[in-house]
Protein backbone atom coordinates (compact mmCIF):
# COMPACT_ATOMS: atom_id res chain seq x y z
CA UNK A 1 -106.62 39.58 24.53
CA UNK A 2 -109.25 38.53 22.05
CA UNK A 3 -112.86 39.42 22.76
CA UNK A 4 -115.83 38.49 20.62
CA UNK A 5 -119.32 39.72 21.36
CA UNK A 6 -122.54 40.50 19.62
CA UNK A 7 -124.55 43.70 19.68
CA UNK A 8 -128.01 43.23 18.29
CA UNK A 9 -131.32 44.94 18.74
CA UNK A 10 -134.09 42.40 18.76
CA UNK A 11 -137.50 43.54 19.88
CA UNK A 12 -139.79 41.22 21.83
CA UNK A 13 -138.10 37.99 20.83
CA UNK A 14 -135.94 35.99 23.19
CA UNK A 15 -135.75 33.22 20.61
CA UNK A 16 -134.37 35.61 17.99
CA UNK A 17 -131.81 36.98 20.48
CA UNK A 18 -130.66 33.46 21.31
CA UNK A 19 -130.38 32.53 17.63
CA UNK A 20 -128.46 35.71 16.78
CA UNK A 21 -125.99 35.41 19.64
CA UNK A 22 -125.35 31.64 19.45
CA UNK A 23 -122.37 31.84 17.08
CA UNK A 24 -120.79 34.93 18.65
CA UNK A 25 -120.91 33.42 22.13
CA UNK A 26 -119.35 30.20 20.83
CA UNK A 27 -116.49 32.31 19.42
CA UNK A 28 -116.29 34.15 22.74
CA UNK A 29 -115.89 30.82 24.55
CA UNK A 30 -113.15 29.74 22.13
CA UNK A 31 -111.34 33.05 22.65
CA UNK A 32 -111.29 32.51 26.42
CA UNK A 33 -108.82 29.66 25.88
CA UNK A 34 -106.20 32.26 24.91
CA UNK A 35 -106.85 34.57 27.89
CA UNK A 36 -104.25 34.56 30.65
CA UNK A 37 -105.94 36.95 33.11
CA UNK A 38 -108.06 34.96 35.60
CA UNK A 39 -110.44 37.84 36.29
CA UNK A 40 -111.14 38.21 32.56
CA UNK A 41 -111.78 34.48 32.29
CA UNK A 42 -114.28 34.53 35.18
CA UNK A 43 -116.04 37.55 33.70
CA UNK A 44 -116.21 35.93 30.27
CA UNK A 45 -117.56 32.70 31.68
CA UNK A 46 -120.17 34.61 33.69
CA UNK A 47 -121.39 36.42 30.56
CA UNK A 48 -121.67 33.13 28.69
CA UNK A 49 -123.50 31.44 31.59
CA UNK A 50 -125.98 34.30 31.86
CA UNK A 51 -126.78 34.07 28.15
CA UNK A 52 -127.04 30.28 28.32
CA UNK A 53 -129.35 30.41 31.35
CA UNK A 54 -131.61 32.91 29.61
CA UNK A 55 -131.63 31.03 26.32
CA UNK A 56 -132.30 27.70 28.01
CA UNK A 57 -135.46 29.17 29.53
CA UNK A 58 -134.37 29.59 33.14
CA UNK A 59 -135.50 33.23 33.17
CA UNK A 60 -138.52 32.85 30.91
CA UNK A 61 -141.98 32.40 32.36
CA UNK A 62 -143.35 28.92 31.74
CA UNK A 63 -146.94 29.67 32.75
CA UNK A 64 -146.95 26.95 35.43
């Protein structure tokens, strides 16, 4: 199984985190194509969705 992830320490910057992890999560998604274990696929997709939700502002305060 191929697994690609990013470990980064970014202080106080969601935008920087999202920029840093963009490429590694794209590689992670590509690697999931090769995975045969359904549980691993679901876990990988969940991790990607959580990052995408955060980076698309769903968990950031908008000040409304």
